[in-house]
C-alpha atoms as a PDB file:
ATOM      1  CA  MET A   1      14.564 -21.457   7.564  1.00  0.00           C
ATOM      2  CA  VAL A   2      11.982 -18.756   6.235  1.00  0.00           C
ATOM      3  CA  PRO A   3       9.086 -20.498   4.704  1.00  0.00           C
ATOM      4  CA  ALA A   4       8.434 -20.468   0.763  1.00  0.00           C
ATOM      5  CA  ALA A   5       5.198 -18.831   1.144  1.00  0.00           C
ATOM      6  CA  THR A   6       7.062 -15.351   2.838  1.00  0.00           C
ATOM      7  CA  VAL A   7       9.849 -15.607  -0.014  1.00  0.00           C
ATOM      8  CA  ILE A   8       6.976 -15.190  -2.567  1.00  0.00           C
ATOM      9  CA  THR A   9       4.748 -12.785  -0.729  1.00  0.00           C
ATOM     10  CA  VAL A  10       8.029 -10.587   0.364  1.00  0.00           C
ATOM     11  CA  SER A  11       8.657 -10.862  -3.299  1.00  0.00           C
ATOM     12  CA  ILE A  12       5.494  -9.726  -4.531  1.00  0.00           C
ATOM     13  CA  THR A  13       5.338  -7.007  -2.245  1.00  0.00           C
ATOM     14  CA  LEU A  14       8.781  -6.003  -3.309  1.00  0.00           C
ATOM     15  CA  PHE A  15       7.664  -6.045  -7.139  1.00  0.00           C
ATOM     16  CA  ILE A  16       4.573  -4.034  -6.817  1.00  0.00           C
ATOM     17  CA  CYS A  17       6.288  -1.216  -4.267  1.00  0.00           C
ATOM     18  CA  LEU A  18       9.505  -0.976  -6.692  1.00  0.00           C
ATOM     19  CA  VAL A  19       9.136  -2.294  -9.887  1.00  0.00           C
ATOM     20  CA  LEU A  20       5.293  -1.717 -10.674  1.00  0.00           C
ATOM     21  CA  PRO A  21       5.456   2.030 -10.283  1.00  0.00           C
ATOM     22  CA  VAL A  22       8.332   2.153 -13.036  1.00  0.00           C
ATOM     23  CA  ILE A  23       6.054   0.218 -15.689  1.00  0.00           C
ATOM     24  CA  VAL A  24       3.280   2.348 -14.646  1.00  0.00           C
ATOM     25  CA  TYR A  25       5.381   5.462 -15.153  1.00  0.00           C
ATOM     26  CA  LEU A  26       6.391   4.186 -18.394  1.00  0.00           C
ATOM     27  CA  VAL A  27       3.446   2.959 -19.802  1.00  0.00           C
ATOM     28  CA  TYR A  28       1.784   6.142 -18.743  1.00  0.00           C
ATOM     29  CA  GLY A  29       4.385   8.376 -20.112  1.00  0.00           C
ATOM     30  CA  VAL A  30       4.099   6.995 -23.362  1.00  0.00           C
ATOM     31  CA  LYS A  31       0.481   6.538 -23.578  1.00  0.00           C
ATOM     32  CA  ASN A  32       0.296  10.411 -22.658  1.00  0.00           C
ATOM     33  CA  LYS A  33       3.594  11.575 -24.594  1.00  0.00           C
ATOM     34  CA  GLY A  34       3.644  15.357 -25.348  1.00  0.00           C
ATOM     35  CA  LYS A  35       1.441  16.347 -22.055  1.00  0.00           C
ATOM     36  CA  GLY A  36       3.550  16.647 -19.720  1.00  0.00           C
ATOM     37  CA  VAL A  37       3.378  13.651 -17.947  1.00  0.00           C
ATOM     38  CA  TRP A  38       6.901  12.953 -17.259  1.00  0.00           C
ATOM     39  CA  THR A  39       7.642  16.250 -16.047  1.00  0.00           C
ATOM     40  CA  ALA A  40       4.369  16.040 -13.571  1.00  0.00           C
ATOM     41  CA  TRP A  41       5.605  12.563 -11.947  1.00  0.00           C
ATOM     42  CA  LEU A  42       8.739  13.746 -10.940  1.00  0.00           C
ATOM     43  CA  LEU A  43       7.068  16.979  -9.432  1.00  0.00           C
ATOM     44  CA  GLY A  44       4.592  14.918  -7.702  1.00  0.00           C
ATOM     45  CA  ALA A  45       7.501  12.721  -6.353  1.00  0.00           C
ATOM     46  CA  ALA A  46       9.721  15.317  -5.653  1.00  0.00           C
ATOM     47  CA  GLY A  47       7.223  16.982  -3.436  1.00  0.00           C
ATOM     48  CA  PHE A  48       7.022  13.806  -1.150  1.00  0.00           C
ATOM     49  CA  PHE A  49      10.698  13.454  -1.319  1.00  0.00           C
ATOM     50  CA  VAL A  50      11.550  16.750  -0.297  1.00  0.00           C
ATOM     51  CA  PHE A  51       8.282  17.476   2.410  1.00  0.00           C
ATOM     52  CA  GLN A  52       8.267  14.109   4.000  1.00  0.00           C
ATOM     53  CA  ILE A  53      11.724  12.565   3.816  1.00  0.00           C
ATOM     54  CA  LEU A  54      14.058  15.632   3.776  1.00  0.00           C
ATOM     55  CA  LEU A  55      11.765  17.843   6.297  1.00  0.00           C
ATOM     56  CA  ARG A  56       8.898  16.017   8.356  1.00  0.00           C
ATOM     57  CA  ILE A  57      10.466  12.674   8.862  1.00  0.00           C
ATOM     58  CA  PRO A  58      13.819  14.161  10.254  1.00  0.00           C
ATOM     59  CA  ILE A  59      12.265  16.382  12.550  1.00  0.00           C
ATOM     60  CA  LEU A  60       9.716  13.902  14.112  1.00  0.00           C
ATOM     61  CA  SER A  61      13.312  11.886  14.607  1.00  0.00           C
ATOM     62  CA  VAL A  62      14.840  14.574  16.532  1.00  0.00           C
ATOM     63  CA  LEU A  63      11.581  15.058  18.400  1.00  0.00           C
ATOM     64  CA  SER A  64      11.450  11.432  19.194  1.00  0.00           C
ATOM     65  CA  MET A  65      14.992  11.720  20.947  1.00  0.00           C
ATOM     66  CA  THR A  66      13.688  13.683  23.512  1.00  0.00           C
ATOM     67  CA  SER A  67      12.141  12.794  26.785  1.00  0.00           C
ATOM     68  CA  TRP A  68       9.166  15.514  26.506  1.00  0.00           C
ATOM     69  CA  PHE A  69       7.693  14.003  23.256  1.00  0.00           C
ATOM     70  CA  THR A  70       8.301  10.430  24.160  1.00  0.00           C
ATOM     71  CA  ALA A  71       5.894  11.034  27.464  1.00  0.00           C
ATOM     72  CA  PHE A  72       3.688  13.111  25.580  1.00  0.00           C
ATOM     73  CA  ALA A  73       3.318   9.795  23.156  1.00  0.00           C
ATOM     74  CA  ALA A  74       2.994   7.713  25.888  1.00  0.00           C
ATOM     75  CA  GLU A  75       0.301   9.515  28.013  1.00  0.00           C
ATOM     76  CA  HIS A  76      -1.599  11.363  25.531  1.00  0.00           C
ATOM     77  CA  TYR A  77      -1.481   8.810  22.424  1.00  0.00           C
ATOM     78  CA  VAL A  78      -4.236   9.721  20.539  1.00  0.00           C
ATOM     79  CA  TRP A  79      -3.330  13.887  20.423  1.00  0.00           C
ATOM     80  CA  TYR A  80       0.083  12.210  19.448  1.00  0.00           C
ATOM     81  CA  CYS A  81      -2.076  10.374  16.589  1.00  0.00           C
ATOM     82  CA  LEU A  82      -3.582  13.851  15.564  1.00  0.00           C
ATOM     83  CA  LEU A  83      -0.705  15.541  15.691  1.00  0.00           C
ATOM     84  CA  LEU A  84       1.250  12.718  13.247  1.00  0.00           C
ATOM     85  CA  ALA A  85      -1.564  12.899  11.056  1.00  0.00           C
ATOM     86  CA  LEU A  86      -2.721  16.332  10.802  1.00  0.00           C
ATOM     87  CA  THR A  87       1.586  16.767  10.179  1.00  0.00           C
ATOM     88  CA  ALA A  88       1.431  14.191   7.419  1.00  0.00           C
ATOM     89  CA  GLY A  89      -1.491  16.262   5.684  1.00  0.00           C
ATOM     90  CA  LEU A  90      -0.093  19.391   5.812  1.00  0.00           C
ATOM     91  CA  PHE A  91       3.318  18.586   4.848  1.00  0.00           C
ATOM     92  CA  GLU A  92       2.235  16.460   1.655  1.00  0.00           C
ATOM     93  CA  ALA A  93      -0.547  19.005   0.909  1.00  0.00           C
ATOM     94  CA  ALA A  94       2.393  21.747   0.643  1.00  0.00           C
ATOM     95  CA  GLY A  95       4.806  19.273  -1.660  1.00  0.00           C
ATOM     96  CA  ARG A  96       1.529  18.724  -4.082  1.00  0.00           C
ATOM     97  CA  TYR A  97       0.892  22.414  -3.472  1.00  0.00           C
ATOM     98  CA  ILE A  98       3.682  23.755  -5.116  1.00  0.00           C
ATOM     99  CA  ALA A  99       3.979  20.939  -7.666  1.00  0.00           C
ATOM    100  CA  ALA A 100       0.515  21.957  -8.789  1.00  0.00           C
ATOM    101  CA  LYS A 101       1.702  25.829  -8.744  1.00  0.00           C
ATOM    102  CA  LEU A 102       4.858  24.935 -10.747  1.00  0.00           C
ATOM    103  CA  MET A 103       2.814  23.618 -13.619  1.00  0.00           C
ATOM    104  CA  GLY A 104       0.948  26.950 -13.776  1.00  0.00           C
ATOM    105  CA  LYS A 105      -1.664  27.214 -16.703  1.00  0.00           C
ATOM    106  CA  LYS A 106      -0.137  23.686 -17.913  1.00  0.00           C
ATOM    107  CA  LEU A 107      -2.645  21.611 -15.334  1.00  0.00           C
ATOM    108  CA  THR A 108      -4.646  19.290 -16.781  1.00  0.00           C
ATOM    109  CA  TYR A 109      -6.825  15.859 -15.898  1.00  0.00           C
ATOM    110  CA  VAL A 110      -3.557  13.937 -17.000  1.00  0.00           C
ATOM    111  CA  ARG A 111      -1.084  15.880 -15.308  1.00  0.00           C
ATOM    112  CA  GLY A 112      -3.041  15.875 -12.450  1.00  0.00           C
ATOM    113  CA  LEU A 113      -3.032  12.091 -12.108  1.00  0.00           C
ATOM    114  CA  ALA A 114       0.386  11.664 -12.742  1.00  0.00           C
ATOM    115  CA  ALA A 115       1.504  14.085 -10.026  1.00  0.00           C
ATOM    116  CA  GLY A 116      -0.524  11.654  -7.780  1.00  0.00           C
ATOM    117  CA  LEU A 117       1.376   8.911  -9.115  1.00  0.00           C
ATOM    118  CA  GLY A 118       4.842  10.300  -8.700  1.00  0.00           C
ATOM    119  CA  HIS A 119       3.895  10.996  -5.132  1.00  0.00           C
ATOM    120  CA  GLY A 120       2.483   7.788  -3.942  1.00  0.00           C
ATOM    121  CA  SER A 121       5.351   5.786  -6.301  1.00  0.00           C
ATOM    122  CA  ILE A 122       7.974   7.335  -4.415  1.00  0.00           C
ATOM    123  CA  GLU A 123       6.486   7.158  -1.018  1.00  0.00           C
ATOM    124  CA  ALA A 124       5.803   3.158  -1.722  1.00  0.00           C
ATOM    125  CA  MET A 125       9.456   3.097  -3.050  1.00  0.00           C
ATOM    126  CA  VAL A 126      11.425   4.641  -0.437  1.00  0.00           C
ATOM    127  CA  ILE A 127       8.943   3.552   2.645  1.00  0.00           C
ATOM    128  CA  VAL A 128       8.729   0.364   2.197  1.00  0.00           C
ATOM    129  CA  GLY A 129      10.306  -1.272  -1.163  1.00  0.00           C
ATOM    130  CA  LEU A 130      13.483  -0.069   0.514  1.00  0.00           C
ATOM    131  CA  THR A 131      12.495  -1.856   3.684  1.00  0.00           C
ATOM    132  CA  TYR A 132      11.675  -5.275   1.404  1.00  0.00           C
ATOM    133  CA  ILE A 133      15.073  -5.111  -0.084  1.00  0.00           C
ATOM    134  CA  ASN A 134      16.356  -5.269   3.115  1.00  0.00           C
ATOM    135  CA  ASN A 135      13.747  -8.422   4.299  1.00  0.00           C
ATOM    136  CA  LEU A 136      14.774 -10.127   1.244  1.00  0.00           C
ATOM    137  CA  ALA A 137      18.701  -9.938   1.789  1.00  0.00           C
ATOM    138  CA  TYR A 138      17.651 -11.121   5.180  1.00  0.00           C
ATOM    139  CA  ILE A 139      15.994 -14.118   3.946  1.00  0.00           C
ATOM    140  CA  ILE A 140      18.595 -15.411   1.681  1.00  0.00           C
ATOM    141  CA  MET A 141      21.146 -15.326   4.626  1.00  0.00           C
ATOM    142  CA  ILE A 142      18.718 -16.730   6.818  1.00  0.00           C
ATOM    143  CA  ASN A 143      18.305 -19.588   4.494  1.00  0.00           C
ATOM    144  CA  THR A 144      21.778 -20.208   3.328  1.00  0.00           C
ATOM    145  CA  GLY A 145      22.875 -20.425   7.261  1.00  0.00           C
ATOM    146  CA  SER A 146      25.093 -16.892   6.607  1.00  0.00           C
ATOM    147  CA  PHE A 147      22.843 -15.003   8.853  1.00  0.00           C
ATOM    148  CA  ASP A 148      23.595 -17.717  12.129  1.00  0.00           C
ATOM    149  CA  ALA A 149      27.422 -17.026  10.903  1.00  0.00           C
ATOM    150  CA  VAL A 150      26.588 -12.979  11.459  1.00  0.00           C
ATOM    151  CA  ILE A 151      25.004 -13.821  15.305  1.00  0.00           C
ATOM    152  CA  GLU A 152      27.744 -15.552  15.915  1.00  0.00           C
ATOM    153  CA  GLN A 153      30.610 -13.228  14.561  1.00  0.00           C
ATOM    154  CA  THR A 154      28.412 -10.511  16.428  1.00  0.00           C
ATOM    155  CA  ALA A 155      28.187 -12.211  19.721  1.00  0.00           C
ATOM    156  CA  ALA A 156      32.171 -13.344  19.516  1.00  0.00           C
ATOM    157  CA  LEU A 157      32.912  -9.771  19.528  1.00  0.00           C
ATOM    158  CA  GLY A 158      30.586  -9.162  23.032  1.00  0.00           C
ATOM    159  CA  VAL A 159      28.117  -7.156  20.586  1.00  0.00           C
ATOM    160  CA  ASP A 160      24.648  -7.419  21.768  1.00  0.00           C
ATOM    161  CA  THR A 161      22.345  -9.993  19.074  1.00  0.00           C
ATOM    162  CA  THR A 162      18.881  -9.246  20.331  1.00  0.00           C
ATOM    163  CA  GLN A 163      17.745  -7.170  17.324  1.00  0.00           C
ATOM    164  CA  LEU A 164      19.328  -9.682  14.791  1.00  0.00           C
ATOM    165  CA  LEU A 165      17.613 -12.454  16.659  1.00  0.00           C
ATOM    166  CA  MET A 166      14.364 -10.843  16.597  1.00  0.00           C
ATOM    167  CA  VAL A 167      14.815  -9.922  12.663  1.00  0.00           C
ATOM    168  CA  LYS A 168      15.093 -13.485  12.121  1.00  0.00           C
ATOM    169  CA  GLU A 169      12.249 -14.682  14.576  1.00  0.00           C
ATOM    170  CA  SER A 170       9.946 -11.913  12.624  1.00  0.00           C
ATOM    171  CA  LEU A 171      10.474 -13.525   8.998  1.00  0.00           C
ATOM    172  CA  VAL A 172      10.750 -17.045  10.207  1.00  0.00           C
ATOM    173  CA  SER A 173       7.612 -17.486  11.819  1.00  0.00           C
ATOM    174  CA  ALA A 174       5.430 -14.158  10.587  1.00  0.00           C
ATOM    175  CA  ASN A 175       1.982 -15.281   8.567  1.00  0.00           C
ATOM    176  CA  PRO A 176       3.268 -14.589   4.899  1.00  0.00           C
ATOM    177  CA  GLY A 177       0.271 -12.989   4.214  1.00  0.00           C
ATOM    178  CA  ILE A 178       1.226 -10.280   6.463  1.00  0.00           C
ATOM    179  CA  PHE A 179       4.054  -9.369   4.032  1.00  0.00           C
ATOM    180  CA  LEU A 180       1.076  -8.934   1.121  1.00  0.00           C
ATOM    181  CA  LEU A 181      -0.909  -6.760   3.105  1.00  0.00           C
ATOM    182  CA  ALA A 182       1.959  -4.335   3.178  1.00  0.00           C
ATOM    183  CA  GLY A 183       1.720  -4.166  -0.975  1.00  0.00           C
ATOM    184  CA  TYR A 184      -1.896  -4.076  -0.876  1.00  0.00           C
ATOM    185  CA  GLU A 185      -1.721  -1.289   1.113  1.00  0.00           C
ATOM    186  CA  ARG A 186       0.257   0.099  -1.004  1.00  0.00           C
ATOM    187  CA  VAL A 187      -1.846   0.049  -3.973  1.00  0.00           C
ATOM    188  CA  LEU A 188      -4.449   1.528  -1.964  1.00  0.00           C
ATOM    189  CA  THR A 189      -2.717   4.313  -0.593  1.00  0.00           C
ATOM    190  CA  VAL A 190      -1.302   4.814  -4.347  1.00  0.00           C
ATOM    191  CA  ILE A 191      -5.127   5.449  -5.306  1.00  0.00           C
ATOM    192  CA  LEU A 192      -5.792   7.566  -2.491  1.00  0.00           C
ATOM    193  CA  HIS A 193      -2.633   9.976  -3.585  1.00  0.00           C
ATOM    194  CA  ILE A 194      -3.931  10.538  -6.891  1.00  0.00           C
ATOM    195  CA  ALA A 195      -6.865  11.643  -5.450  1.00  0.00           C
ATOM    196  CA  LEU A 196      -5.392  14.153  -3.195  1.00  0.00           C
ATOM    197  CA  SER A 197      -3.030  15.283  -5.774  1.00  0.00           C
ATOM    198  CA  MET A 198      -6.036  15.418  -7.937  1.00  0.00           C
ATOM    199  CA  ILE A 199      -8.215  17.419  -5.721  1.00  0.00           C
ATOM    200  CA  VAL A 200      -5.134  20.053  -5.065  1.00  0.00           C
ATOM    201  CA  CYS A 201      -4.524  20.566  -8.879  1.00  0.00           C
ATOM    202  CA  TYR A 202      -8.193  21.196  -9.460  1.00  0.00           C
ATOM    203  CA  PHE A 203      -8.726  23.408  -7.551  1.00  0.00           C
ATOM    204  CA  VAL A 204      -5.689  25.390  -8.046  1.00  0.00           C
ATOM    205  CA  SER A 205      -6.538  25.576 -11.836  1.00  0.00           C
ATOM    206  CA  GLN A 206      -9.762  26.660 -10.767  1.00  0.00           C
ATOM    207  CA  LYS A 207      -7.832  29.450  -8.562  1.00  0.00           C
ATOM    208  CA  LYS A 208      -9.109  28.615  -5.532  1.00  0.00           C
ATOM    209  CA  ASP A 209      -5.799  27.008  -3.959  1.00  0.00           C
ATOM    210  CA  ILE A 210      -7.257  27.257  -0.057  1.00  0.00           C
ATOM    211  CA  VAL A 211     -10.095  24.735  -0.959  1.00  0.00           C
ATOM    212  CA  GLY A 212      -8.111  22.510  -2.761  1.00  0.00           C
ATOM    213  CA  VAL A 213      -5.240  22.786   0.266  1.00  0.00           C
ATOM    214  CA  VAL A 214      -7.301  22.131   3.009  1.00  0.00           C
ATOM    215  CA  ALA A 215      -9.585  19.613   1.714  1.00  0.00           C
ATOM    216  CA  CYS A 216      -6.259  17.669   1.110  1.00  0.00           C
ATOM    217  CA  VAL A 217      -5.354  18.209   4.632  1.00  0.00           C
ATOM    218  CA  LEU A 218      -8.246  16.966   6.317  1.00  0.00           C
ATOM    219  CA  ILE A 219      -9.053  13.984   4.292  1.00  0.00           C
ATOM    220  CA  HIS A 220      -5.275  12.850   4.336  1.00  0.00           C
ATOM    221  CA  GLY A 221      -5.378  13.887   8.044  1.00  0.00           C
ATOM    222  CA  THR A 222      -8.720  11.827   8.767  1.00  0.00           C
ATOM    223  CA  VAL A 223      -7.293   8.623   6.958  1.00  0.00           C
ATOM    224  CA  ASP A 224      -3.882   8.422   8.714  1.00  0.00           C
ATOM    225  CA  PHE A 225      -5.595   9.181  12.453  1.00  0.00           C
ATOM    226  CA  ILE A 226      -8.270   6.932  11.568  1.00  0.00           C
ATOM    227  CA  VAL A 227      -5.454   4.140  10.960  1.00  0.00           C
ATOM    228  CA  ALA A 228      -2.961   5.141  13.696  1.00  0.00           C
ATOM    229  CA  LEU A 229      -5.933   5.050  16.430  1.00  0.00           C
ATOM    230  CA  VAL A 230      -7.030   1.661  15.229  1.00  0.00           C
ATOM    231  CA  ASN A 231      -3.314   0.118  15.392  1.00  0.00           C
ATOM    232  CA  GLY A 232      -3.280   1.620  19.021  1.00  0.00           C
ATOM    233  CA  MET A 233      -6.364   0.177  20.478  1.00  0.00           C
ATOM    234  CA  ALA A 234      -4.493  -3.560  19.466  1.00  0.00           C
ATOM    235  CA  ALA A 235      -1.770  -2.091  21.649  1.00  0.00           C
ATOM    236  CA  GLU A 236      -0.997  -0.861  24.861  1.00  0.00           C
ATOM    237  CA  TYR A 237      -1.275   2.687  24.015  1.00  0.00           C
ATOM    238  CA  LEU A 238      -5.253   2.136  24.400  1.00  0.00           C
ATOM    239  CA  GLY A 239      -5.453  -1.119  26.818  1.00  0.00           C
ATOM    240  CA  ASN A 240      -5.624  -3.588  24.154  1.00  0.00           C
ATOM    241  CA  VAL A 241      -9.273  -3.428  23.597  1.00  0.00           C
ATOM    242  CA  ILE A 242      -9.045  -5.118  20.115  1.00  0.00           C
ATOM    243  CA  SER A 243      -7.094  -7.970  18.946  1.00  0.00           C
ATOM    244  CA  ALA A 244      -4.133  -7.470  16.338  1.00  0.00           C
ATOM    245  CA  SER A 245      -6.238  -9.685  13.983  1.00  0.00           C
ATOM    246  CA  LEU A 246      -9.337  -7.339  14.383  1.00  0.00           C
ATOM    247  CA  ALA A 247      -7.515  -4.429  13.665  1.00  0.00           C
ATOM    248  CA  TYR A 248      -5.848  -5.814  10.275  1.00  0.00           C
ATOM    249  CA  ILE A 249      -9.407  -6.315   9.439  1.00  0.00           C
ATOM    250  CA  ILE A 250     -10.858  -2.772   9.970  1.00  0.00           C
ATOM    251  CA  ILE A 251      -7.789  -1.063   9.003  1.00  0.00           C
ATOM    252  CA  TYR A 252      -7.879  -2.895   5.521  1.00  0.00           C
ATOM    253  CA  THR A 253     -11.605  -3.075   4.908  1.00  0.00           C
ATOM    254  CA  PHE A 254     -11.395   1.031   5.734  1.00  0.00           C
ATOM    255  CA  LEU A 255      -8.545   1.268   3.364  1.00  0.00           C
ATOM    256  CA  THR A 256     -10.074  -0.587   0.679  1.00  0.00           C
ATOM    257  CA  ALA A 257     -13.330   1.733   1.061  1.00  0.00           C
ATOM    258  CA  VAL A 258     -11.433   4.756   1.000  1.00  0.00           C
ATOM    259  CA  ALA A 259      -9.330   3.808  -2.398  1.00  0.00           C
ATOM    260  CA  ALA A 260     -13.111   3.059  -3.722  1.00  0.00           C
ATOM    261  CA  LEU A 261     -14.153   6.289  -2.882  1.00  0.00           C
ATOM    262  CA  SER A 262     -10.832   7.668  -4.372  1.00  0.00           C
ATOM    263  CA  VAL A 263     -11.404   5.767  -7.247  1.00  0.00           C
ATOM    264  CA  ILE A 264     -14.768   8.241  -7.773  1.00  0.00           C
ATOM    265  CA  VAL A 265     -13.499  11.540  -7.043  1.00  0.00           C
ATOM    266  CA  ILE A 266     -10.735  10.732  -9.676  1.00  0.00           C
ATOM    267  CA  ARG A 267     -13.456  10.242 -12.213  1.00  0.00           C
ATOM    268  CA  ARG A 268     -15.401  12.785 -11.022  1.00  0.00           C
ATOM    269  CA  PHE A 269     -12.780  15.553 -11.101  1.00  0.00           C
ATOM    270  CA  ARG A 270     -12.172  13.799 -15.081  1.00  0.00           C
ATOM    271  CA  LEU A 271     -15.666  15.133 -15.950  1.00  0.00           C
ATOM    272  CA  ARG A 272     -15.123  18.470 -13.863  1.00  0.00           C
ATOM    273  CA  TRP A 273     -12.178  19.328 -15.908  1.00  0.00           C
ATOM    274  CA  ALA A 274     -13.627  18.222 -19.406  1.00  0.00           C
ATOM    275  CA  THR A 275     -16.651  20.608 -18.119  1.00  0.00           C
ATOM    276  CA  ALA A 276     -14.248  23.458 -17.428  1.00  0.00           C
ATOM    277  CA  ALA A 277     -12.113  22.883 -20.283  1.00  0.00           C
END
């Protein structure tokens, strides 16, 4: 049986990643009715979806099936992390930039914030939300006994059941807090995405496009690189030099600090926009 605590934490994260973004979208849109918030949110969401889901991730999936790329990742993990971090920053900055250019002269603080919300929200919904729908479905199946029936039927067909057993074990034995951390991480990440979109939108409005895009790529890339590097330090890639628990503490402390700095950036750009107007 999957513990009740796990059911609760999975449900909370699912709410954070799937339901909360819609609520925020509706509340923010109604509060700023007539200010182009709906369109800005959708442009921000489209920027992430096109450049990450439709372009970058499929490219990486194809590369991961090649022997030279998997060898590169295993033998040069730090460079591999840097590559992933910079491409994430570059592709997503391209999406933010196009969204900002499409808004053109209609760029405002309110729309820049909405674009960041859209960007971060769609990432939470697609990357984490859909995964947690599966997790909740598996939990229900495990607790009702139907998952064991699936395993038995699969084994009877002569198909390897290793993956199914691993899924069950991970849900039954995992610390419930791990699932809640995923939701907390999404909240922190959305705040960062708002700040990054704000940077791009503000500098585009000031006709300093390159400054905004470069700053966005570097900040995003640095954050992703540090997180990936710390994860690698708790794995065989970098010799298991720290424990998984310590890696979690470092990563979430770092992301919390980044989110706090992002709030400061968002507030500063609000003042800048007001001054520029």
